[in-house]
Amino acid sequence: SQITMTAALGFESFLVMRHGASPFSSAGDSSEETSNSSYSDSCGKDANGKHRLGCYFCNDVVAPTDVIST
């Protein structure tokens, strides 16, 4: 139920990743089944059925780059 932030800095780019439980997951049960369902919930839909922003590994995400030189 802990959250970890990873930041990678370059000369003209950066990448920030959030690791950890979904904000909507329950913190009470720590069984493997619950952790697997929490992982899939973090990459899916919220309680209202709307699509949520997924994690870095669930989406095809590219880090920001230098837009001035392109």
Protein backbone atom coordinates (compact mmCIF):
# COMPACT_ATOMS: atom_id res chain seq x y z
CA SER A 1 0.00 0.00 0.00
CA GLN A 2 3.02 2.30 -0.23
CA ILE A 3 3.70 4.58 -3.18
CA THR A 4 7.11 5.17 -4.75
CA MET A 5 8.06 7.91 -7.20
CA THR A 6 10.94 7.46 -9.66
CA ALA A 7 12.40 10.43 -11.50
CA ALA A 8 14.93 10.29 -14.34
CA LEU A 9 16.47 13.57 -15.46
CA GLY A 10 18.35 14.24 -18.67
CA PHE A 11 19.76 17.36 -20.30
CA GLU A 12 16.57 18.17 -22.22
CA SER A 13 14.09 15.56 -21.01
CA PHE A 14 12.61 14.05 -17.89
CA LEU A 15 10.47 11.10 -16.87
CA VAL A 16 8.48 10.65 -13.66
CA MET A 17 6.89 7.30 -12.83
CA ARG A 18 4.48 6.45 -10.00
CA HIS A 19 4.65 2.94 -8.58
CA GLY A 20 2.31 1.53 -5.99
CA ALA A 21 -1.29 0.83 -5.17
CA SER A 22 -4.13 2.41 -7.07
CA PRO A 23 -5.76 5.35 -5.25
CA PHE A 24 -9.02 3.39 -5.31
CA SER A 25 -7.62 0.07 -4.02
CA SER A 26 -8.33 -1.14 -0.50
CA ALA A 27 -5.41 -1.20 1.94
CA GLY A 28 -6.91 -3.80 4.26
CA ASP A 29 -6.17 -7.12 2.53
CA SER A 30 -2.68 -7.88 1.26
CA SER A 31 -3.33 -11.25 -0.40
CA GLU A 32 -1.91 -12.00 -3.85
CA GLU A 33 -5.37 -12.05 -5.44
CA THR A 34 -6.12 -8.59 -4.07
CA SER A 35 -2.79 -7.20 -5.24
CA ASN A 36 -3.36 -8.58 -8.74
CA SER A 37 -6.84 -7.09 -8.92
CA SER A 38 -5.51 -3.75 -7.60
CA TYR A 39 -2.88 -3.76 -10.35
CA SER A 40 -5.50 -4.40 -13.03
CA ASP A 41 -7.78 -1.75 -11.48
CA SER A 42 -4.98 0.82 -11.67
CA CYS A 43 -4.79 0.25 -15.42
CA GLY A 44 -8.52 0.19 -16.09
CA LYS A 45 -11.62 2.13 -15.17
CA ASP A 46 -12.67 4.06 -12.07
CA ALA A 47 -15.77 3.45 -9.94
CA ASN A 48 -17.91 5.45 -12.41
CA GLY A 49 -16.81 3.31 -15.37
CA LYS A 50 -14.69 6.07 -16.93
CA HIS A 51 -11.25 5.25 -18.30
CA ARG A 52 -8.42 6.36 -16.04
CA LEU A 53 -4.85 7.21 -16.90
CA GLY A 54 -2.94 3.95 -16.70
CA CYS A 55 0.51 3.26 -15.39
CA TYR A 56 3.67 3.67 -17.46
CA PHE A 57 3.82 -0.04 -18.29
CA CYS A 58 0.11 -0.28 -19.28
CA ASN A 59 0.33 2.52 -21.83
CA ASP A 60 2.63 3.19 -24.74
CA VAL A 61 4.25 6.25 -23.18
CA VAL A 62 7.22 8.20 -24.52
CA ALA A 63 9.15 10.57 -22.29
CA PRO A 64 9.11 14.29 -23.19
CA THR A 65 11.86 15.32 -25.58
CA ASP A 66 13.35 18.52 -26.94
CA VAL A 67 10.57 20.03 -29.07
CA ILE A 68 12.62 23.06 -30.12
CA SER A 69 15.09 21.08 -32.25
CA THR A 70 12.41 19.15 -34.18
